[in-house]
C-alpha atoms as a PDB file:
ATOM      1  CA  MET A   1     130.508 109.106 226.583  1.00  0.00           C
ATOM      2  CA  LEU A   2     129.685 106.192 223.830  1.00  0.00           C
ATOM      3  CA  ILE A   3     126.528 106.060 222.291  1.00  0.00           C
ATOM      4  CA  THR A   4     125.473 102.930 221.488  1.00  0.00           C
ATOM      5  CA  SER A   5     121.837 103.144 220.652  1.00  0.00           C
ATOM      6  CA  ALA A   6     119.664 105.898 219.897  1.00  0.00           C
ATOM      7  CA  GLU A   7     115.840 105.641 218.976  1.00  0.00           C
ATOM      8  CA  PHE A   8     112.704 107.624 217.763  1.00  0.00           C
ATOM      9  CA  ILE A   9     110.091 107.502 220.477  1.00  0.00           C
ATOM     10  CA  LYS A  10     107.501 109.901 219.341  1.00  0.00           C
ATOM     11  CA  SER A  11     106.598 113.464 218.218  1.00  0.00           C
ATOM     12  CA  VAL A  12     103.795 115.425 220.220  1.00  0.00           C
ATOM     13  CA  THR A  13     102.288 118.975 220.003  1.00  0.00           C
ATOM     14  CA  HIS A  14     101.677 119.178 223.568  1.00  0.00           C
ATOM     15  CA  TYR A  15     104.089 118.661 226.736  1.00  0.00           C
ATOM     16  CA  LYS A  16     101.196 116.636 228.423  1.00  0.00           C
ATOM     17  CA  ASP A  17     101.929 114.155 225.707  1.00  0.00           C
ATOM     18  CA  CYS A  18     105.347 113.406 225.791  1.00  0.00           C
ATOM     19  CA  PRO A  19     106.840 110.512 227.122  1.00  0.00           C
ATOM     20  CA  PRO A  20     107.060 109.632 230.963  1.00  0.00           C
ATOM     21  CA  ALA A  21     109.237 112.126 232.541  1.00  0.00           C
ATOM     22  CA  ASP A  22     111.752 109.663 234.169  1.00  0.00           C
ATOM     23  CA  LYS A  23     114.835 110.096 232.380  1.00  0.00           C
ATOM     24  CA  PRO A  24     117.284 113.231 232.245  1.00  0.00           C
ATOM     25  CA  GLU A  25     116.226 115.227 229.042  1.00  0.00           C
ATOM     26  CA  TYR A  26     117.838 117.742 226.690  1.00  0.00           C
ATOM     27  CA  ALA A  27     116.206 119.878 224.173  1.00  0.00           C
ATOM     28  CA  PHE A  28     117.665 121.257 221.027  1.00  0.00           C
ATOM     29  CA  LEU A  29     116.377 124.421 219.992  1.00  0.00           C
ATOM     30  CA  GLY A  30     117.604 127.009 217.316  1.00  0.00           C
ATOM     31  CA  ARG A  31     116.853 129.112 214.272  1.00  0.00           C
ATOM     32  CA  SER A  32     115.284 127.599 211.359  1.00  0.00           C
ATOM     33  CA  ASN A  33     118.151 126.195 208.990  1.00  0.00           C
ATOM     34  CA  VAL A  34     120.866 126.737 211.853  1.00  0.00           C
ATOM     35  CA  GLY A  35     121.873 122.763 211.291  1.00  0.00           C
ATOM     36  CA  LYS A  36     119.944 121.638 214.476  1.00  0.00           C
ATOM     37  CA  SER A  37     119.043 118.125 212.942  1.00  0.00           C
ATOM     38  CA  SER A  38     122.566 117.463 211.363  1.00  0.00           C
ATOM     39  CA  LEU A  39     124.114 118.386 215.095  1.00  0.00           C
ATOM     40  CA  ILE A  40     121.841 116.024 216.632  1.00  0.00           C
ATOM     41  CA  ASN A  41     122.815 113.294 213.835  1.00  0.00           C
ATOM     42  CA  MET A  42     126.423 114.072 214.532  1.00  0.00           C
ATOM     43  CA  LEU A  43     126.259 114.101 218.345  1.00  0.00           C
ATOM     44  CA  THR A  44     124.245 110.779 218.200  1.00  0.00           C
ATOM     45  CA  GLY A  45     126.001 108.886 215.511  1.00  0.00           C
ATOM     46  CA  TYR A  46     123.234 107.945 213.682  1.00  0.00           C
ATOM     47  CA  GLY A  47     122.967 109.706 210.317  1.00  0.00           C
ATOM     48  CA  LYS A  48     119.197 109.512 209.690  1.00  0.00           C
ATOM     49  CA  LEU A  49     117.974 110.187 213.431  1.00  0.00           C
ATOM     50  CA  ALA A  50     116.643 113.607 213.011  1.00  0.00           C
ATOM     51  CA  LYS A  51     115.383 114.282 209.270  1.00  0.00           C
ATOM     52  CA  ILE A  52     117.356 116.747 207.533  1.00  0.00           C
ATOM     53  CA  SER A  53     115.651 119.235 204.929  1.00  0.00           C
ATOM     54  CA  ALA A  54     116.778 121.972 202.424  1.00  0.00           C
ATOM     55  CA  THR A  55     113.337 123.463 203.493  1.00  0.00           C
ATOM     56  CA  PRO A  56     113.674 125.759 206.826  1.00  0.00           C
ATOM     57  CA  GLY A  57     110.864 125.058 209.112  1.00  0.00           C
ATOM     58  CA  LYS A  58     110.697 121.554 208.504  1.00  0.00           C
ATOM     59  CA  THR A  59     110.486 120.142 211.997  1.00  0.00           C
ATOM     60  CA  ARG A  60     107.145 120.988 213.276  1.00  0.00           C
ATOM     61  CA  LEU A  61     106.613 119.003 216.119  1.00  0.00           C
ATOM     62  CA  ILE A  62     108.573 117.927 219.488  1.00  0.00           C
ATOM     63  CA  ASN A  63     110.262 115.136 218.665  1.00  0.00           C
ATOM     64  CA  HIS A  64     111.657 112.711 221.370  1.00  0.00           C
ATOM     65  CA  PHE A  65     114.401 110.470 221.035  1.00  0.00           C
ATOM     66  CA  ILE A  66     116.196 107.947 223.631  1.00  0.00           C
ATOM     67  CA  ILE A  67     119.866 107.888 223.746  1.00  0.00           C
ATOM     68  CA  ASN A  68     121.760 104.731 225.694  1.00  0.00           C
ATOM     69  CA  ASN A  69     117.981 103.803 226.762  1.00  0.00           C
ATOM     70  CA  SER A  70     119.126 105.974 229.885  1.00  0.00           C
ATOM     71  CA  TRP A  71     118.670 109.413 228.818  1.00  0.00           C
ATOM     72  CA  CYS A  72     116.327 111.333 226.386  1.00  0.00           C
ATOM     73  CA  LEU A  73     116.866 114.223 223.469  1.00  0.00           C
ATOM     74  CA  THR A  74     114.323 116.635 222.113  1.00  0.00           C
ATOM     75  CA  ASP A  75     114.268 118.149 218.787  1.00  0.00           C
ATOM     76  CA  LEU A  76     112.187 121.443 219.008  1.00  0.00           C
ATOM     77  CA  PRO A  77     110.873 123.365 216.168  1.00  0.00           C
ATOM     78  CA  GLY A  78     113.150 125.783 214.540  1.00  0.00           C
ATOM     79  CA  PHE A  79     112.266 129.809 214.973  1.00  0.00           C
ATOM     80  CA  GLY A  80     112.476 132.807 212.812  1.00  0.00           C
ATOM     81  CA  PHE A  81     110.947 130.725 209.376  1.00  0.00           C
ATOM     82  CA  ALA A  82     109.361 134.192 207.730  1.00  0.00           C
ATOM     83  CA  LYS A  83     107.669 131.497 205.366  1.00  0.00           C
ATOM     84  CA  VAL A  84     105.503 130.507 208.192  1.00  0.00           C
ATOM     85  CA  SER A  85     102.143 132.199 209.054  1.00  0.00           C
ATOM     86  CA  LYS A  86     101.979 134.424 211.996  1.00  0.00           C
ATOM     87  CA  LYS A  87      99.461 132.564 213.514  1.00  0.00           C
ATOM     88  CA  MET A  88     101.779 129.513 213.134  1.00  0.00           C
ATOM     89  CA  ARG A  89     104.680 131.026 214.463  1.00  0.00           C
ATOM     90  CA  ALA A  90     102.523 131.914 217.809  1.00  0.00           C
ATOM     91  CA  GLU A  91     101.240 128.137 217.676  1.00  0.00           C
ATOM     92  CA  TRP A  92     104.852 126.975 218.032  1.00  0.00           C
ATOM     93  CA  LYS A  93     106.073 129.597 220.208  1.00  0.00           C
ATOM     94  CA  LYS A  94     103.363 128.531 222.615  1.00  0.00           C
ATOM     95  CA  MET A  95     104.149 124.801 222.400  1.00  0.00           C
ATOM     96  CA  ILE A  96     107.983 124.994 222.609  1.00  0.00           C
ATOM     97  CA  ARG A  97     107.605 127.563 225.516  1.00  0.00           C
ATOM     98  CA  ASN A  98     104.942 125.617 227.439  1.00  0.00           C
ATOM     99  CA  TYR A  99     107.464 122.267 227.030  1.00  0.00           C
ATOM    100  CA  LEU A 100     110.243 124.311 228.309  1.00  0.00           C
ATOM    101  CA  LEU A 101     108.668 125.503 231.156  1.00  0.00           C
ATOM    102  CA  LYS A 102     106.707 122.306 232.281  1.00  0.00           C
ATOM    103  CA  ARG A 103     108.935 119.646 231.294  1.00  0.00           C
ATOM    104  CA  GLU A 104     109.892 118.050 234.889  1.00  0.00           C
ATOM    105  CA  ASN A 105     112.941 115.904 233.684  1.00  0.00           C
ATOM    106  CA  LEU A 106     114.336 118.709 231.682  1.00  0.00           C
ATOM    107  CA  ILE A 107     117.904 119.592 232.624  1.00  0.00           C
ATOM    108  CA  CYS A 108     119.177 121.932 229.985  1.00  0.00           C
ATOM    109  CA  THR A 109     118.340 123.505 226.843  1.00  0.00           C
ATOM    110  CA  PHE A 110     121.171 123.771 224.096  1.00  0.00           C
ATOM    111  CA  LEU A 111     120.706 126.957 222.059  1.00  0.00           C
ATOM    112  CA  LEU A 112     121.945 126.752 218.449  1.00  0.00           C
ATOM    113  CA  ILE A 113     123.380 129.625 217.091  1.00  0.00           C
ATOM    114  CA  ASP A 114     125.061 129.917 213.598  1.00  0.00           C
ATOM    115  CA  SER A 115     128.521 130.971 213.871  1.00  0.00           C
ATOM    116  CA  ARG A 116     128.628 132.608 210.590  1.00  0.00           C
ATOM    117  CA  LEU A 117     125.916 135.612 211.677  1.00  0.00           C
ATOM    118  CA  GLU A 118     125.822 138.630 213.728  1.00  0.00           C
ATOM    119  CA  PRO A 119     124.076 137.952 217.260  1.00  0.00           C
ATOM    120  CA  GLN A 120     120.121 137.942 215.975  1.00  0.00           C
ATOM    121  CA  LYS A 121     117.655 139.676 217.640  1.00  0.00           C
ATOM    122  CA  ASN A 122     115.311 136.735 218.525  1.00  0.00           C
ATOM    123  CA  ASP A 123     118.391 134.619 219.747  1.00  0.00           C
ATOM    124  CA  LEU A 124     119.116 137.291 222.276  1.00  0.00           C
ATOM    125  CA  GLU A 125     115.461 137.436 223.259  1.00  0.00           C
ATOM    126  CA  ASN A 126     114.958 133.782 223.653  1.00  0.00           C
ATOM    127  CA  MET A 127     118.030 133.780 226.070  1.00  0.00           C
ATOM    128  CA  GLU A 128     116.581 136.901 227.812  1.00  0.00           C
ATOM    129  CA  TRP A 129     113.283 135.068 228.056  1.00  0.00           C
ATOM    130  CA  PHE A 130     115.587 131.675 229.550  1.00  0.00           C
ATOM    131  CA  GLY A 131     117.224 133.771 232.068  1.00  0.00           C
ATOM    132  CA  GLU A 132     113.649 135.720 232.878  1.00  0.00           C
ATOM    133  CA  GLN A 133     112.328 132.180 233.590  1.00  0.00           C
ATOM    134  CA  GLY A 134     115.525 131.007 235.124  1.00  0.00           C
ATOM    135  CA  LEU A 135     115.655 127.720 232.794  1.00  0.00           C
ATOM    136  CA  PRO A 136     119.447 126.244 232.166  1.00  0.00           C
ATOM    137  CA  PHE A 137     120.285 126.780 228.803  1.00  0.00           C
ATOM    138  CA  VAL A 138     123.780 126.731 226.698  1.00  0.00           C
ATOM    139  CA  ILE A 139     124.899 127.790 223.424  1.00  0.00           C
ATOM    140  CA  ALA A 140     126.470 125.682 221.045  1.00  0.00           C
ATOM    141  CA  PHE A 141     127.537 127.900 217.949  1.00  0.00           C
ATOM    142  CA  THR A 142     127.042 125.509 214.629  1.00  0.00           C
ATOM    143  CA  LYS A 143     128.731 125.596 211.102  1.00  0.00           C
ATOM    144  CA  SER A 144     132.267 126.161 212.423  1.00  0.00           C
ATOM    145  CA  ASP A 145     133.723 124.468 209.568  1.00  0.00           C
ATOM    146  CA  LYS A 146     132.133 126.912 207.053  1.00  0.00           C
ATOM    147  CA  LEU A 147     134.693 129.859 208.481  1.00  0.00           C
ATOM    148  CA  GLY A 148     138.700 130.055 208.653  1.00  0.00           C
ATOM    149  CA  SER A 149     139.625 130.189 212.087  1.00  0.00           C
ATOM    150  CA  THR A 150     140.286 133.862 212.468  1.00  0.00           C
ATOM    151  CA  LYS A 151     136.606 134.912 211.454  1.00  0.00           C
ATOM    152  CA  LEU A 152     135.514 131.805 213.630  1.00  0.00           C
ATOM    153  CA  GLN A 153     137.250 133.275 216.516  1.00  0.00           C
ATOM    154  CA  SER A 154     136.221 136.892 215.666  1.00  0.00           C
ATOM    155  CA  ASN A 155     132.790 135.970 215.187  1.00  0.00           C
ATOM    156  CA  ILE A 156     132.651 134.605 218.769  1.00  0.00           C
ATOM    157  CA  ALA A 157     134.497 136.980 220.142  1.00  0.00           C
ATOM    158  CA  ALA A 158     131.710 139.526 219.003  1.00  0.00           C
ATOM    159  CA  TYR A 159     128.912 137.207 220.528  1.00  0.00           C
ATOM    160  CA  LYS A 160     130.565 136.950 223.892  1.00  0.00           C
ATOM    161  CA  LYS A 161     131.272 140.782 224.193  1.00  0.00           C
ATOM    162  CA  LYS A 162     127.403 141.222 223.454  1.00  0.00           C
ATOM    163  CA  LEU A 163     126.375 138.783 226.050  1.00  0.00           C
ATOM    164  CA  ALA A 164     128.539 140.440 228.522  1.00  0.00           C
ATOM    165  CA  GLU A 165     126.390 143.204 228.274  1.00  0.00           C
ATOM    166  CA  GLN A 166     123.267 140.987 229.811  1.00  0.00           C
ATOM    167  CA  TRP A 167     124.938 138.132 231.445  1.00  0.00           C
ATOM    168  CA  GLU A 168     127.579 137.731 234.078  1.00  0.00           C
ATOM    169  CA  PRO A 169     129.289 135.000 233.692  1.00  0.00           C
ATOM    170  CA  ILE A 170     128.115 134.505 230.184  1.00  0.00           C
ATOM    171  CA  PRO A 171     126.468 131.116 229.409  1.00  0.00           C
ATOM    172  CA  ARG A 172     128.609 127.765 228.602  1.00  0.00           C
ATOM    173  CA  ILE A 173     129.419 127.919 224.861  1.00  0.00           C
ATOM    174  CA  PHE A 174     130.288 124.919 222.472  1.00  0.00           C
ATOM    175  CA  ILE A 175     131.671 125.275 219.056  1.00  0.00           C
ATOM    176  CA  THR A 176     130.388 122.603 216.843  1.00  0.00           C
ATOM    177  CA  SER A 177     130.432 121.126 213.462  1.00  0.00           C
ATOM    178  CA  ALA A 178     128.411 118.377 211.857  1.00  0.00           C
ATOM    179  CA  GLU A 179     130.984 117.806 209.138  1.00  0.00           C
ATOM    180  CA  THR A 180     133.819 117.844 211.458  1.00  0.00           C
ATOM    181  CA  ARG A 181     132.654 116.416 214.211  1.00  0.00           C
ATOM    182  CA  THR A 182     133.761 119.369 216.362  1.00  0.00           C
ATOM    183  CA  GLY A 183     132.533 119.609 219.763  1.00  0.00           C
ATOM    184  CA  ARG A 184     131.065 116.237 219.707  1.00  0.00           C
ATOM    185  CA  GLU A 185     132.977 115.071 222.664  1.00  0.00           C
ATOM    186  CA  GLU A 186     132.949 118.203 224.723  1.00  0.00           C
ATOM    187  CA  ILE A 187     129.198 118.148 224.765  1.00  0.00           C
ATOM    188  CA  LEU A 188     128.582 114.277 225.626  1.00  0.00           C
ATOM    189  CA  ASP A 189     130.648 114.748 228.871  1.00  0.00           C
ATOM    190  CA  PHE A 190     128.612 117.744 229.553  1.00  0.00           C
ATOM    191  CA  ILE A 191     125.534 115.546 229.517  1.00  0.00           C
ATOM    192  CA  ASP A 192     127.081 112.468 230.966  1.00  0.00           C
ATOM    193  CA  HIS A 193     127.975 114.918 234.087  1.00  0.00           C
ATOM    194  CA  PHE A 194     124.672 115.978 234.231  1.00  0.00           C
ATOM    195  CA  ASN A 195     123.105 112.705 233.846  1.00  0.00           C
ATOM    196  CA  GLU A 196     125.549 111.236 236.795  1.00  0.00           C
ATOM    197  CA  ALA A 197     124.261 113.761 238.623  1.00  0.00           C
ATOM    198  CA  TYR A 198     120.618 113.262 237.769  1.00  0.00           C
ATOM    199  CA  LEU A 199     120.737 109.551 238.895  1.00  0.00           C
ATOM    200  CA  THR A 200     122.564 110.401 242.430  1.00  0.00           C
ATOM    201  CA  SER A 201     119.885 112.986 243.234  1.00  0.00           C
ATOM    202  CA  SER A 202     117.080 110.211 242.299  1.00  0.00           C
ATOM    203  CA  LYS A 203     118.496 107.712 244.741  1.00  0.00           C
END
């Protein structure tokens, strides 16, 4: 897929205020500081589309972008940020889950995982929730350039083993790096495939 345009549409705090649900949409979700904004900017080719901050938890709204005037990308607030109050975390969780459950044109959610870390409890809990709700998701391992090839493959293998305890088959996995653009074509091809299916089904 060739990205020819990428524009910010709006930020909302409630799914009812989202843009019209008339185009296929893909959400990006992950722990704070997982590299979500960097990945979005790498995928779209627009370096400042999603704001990058050194402060975890900066994204606090549901941010909508339109790509190629034909499909939408949603940047969701990061979770697991310790310096945010419990009340705020609960509000974010409710906001995100309402969006995920009720956004009619949401095709798939990319759950971002830091490839340098061991399996995290809240990541695994999120996957379990997606499964319980019957919501489609895939996994995108980020920051793969921060590890040597052997360590990276070891970490991915460990994660797959953990996933296999609950999933058969395990969710689709992408390995990405915002620095080296690893995974870009694979993810865009994945999105392109579902965009075509969406257009076919809506005719």
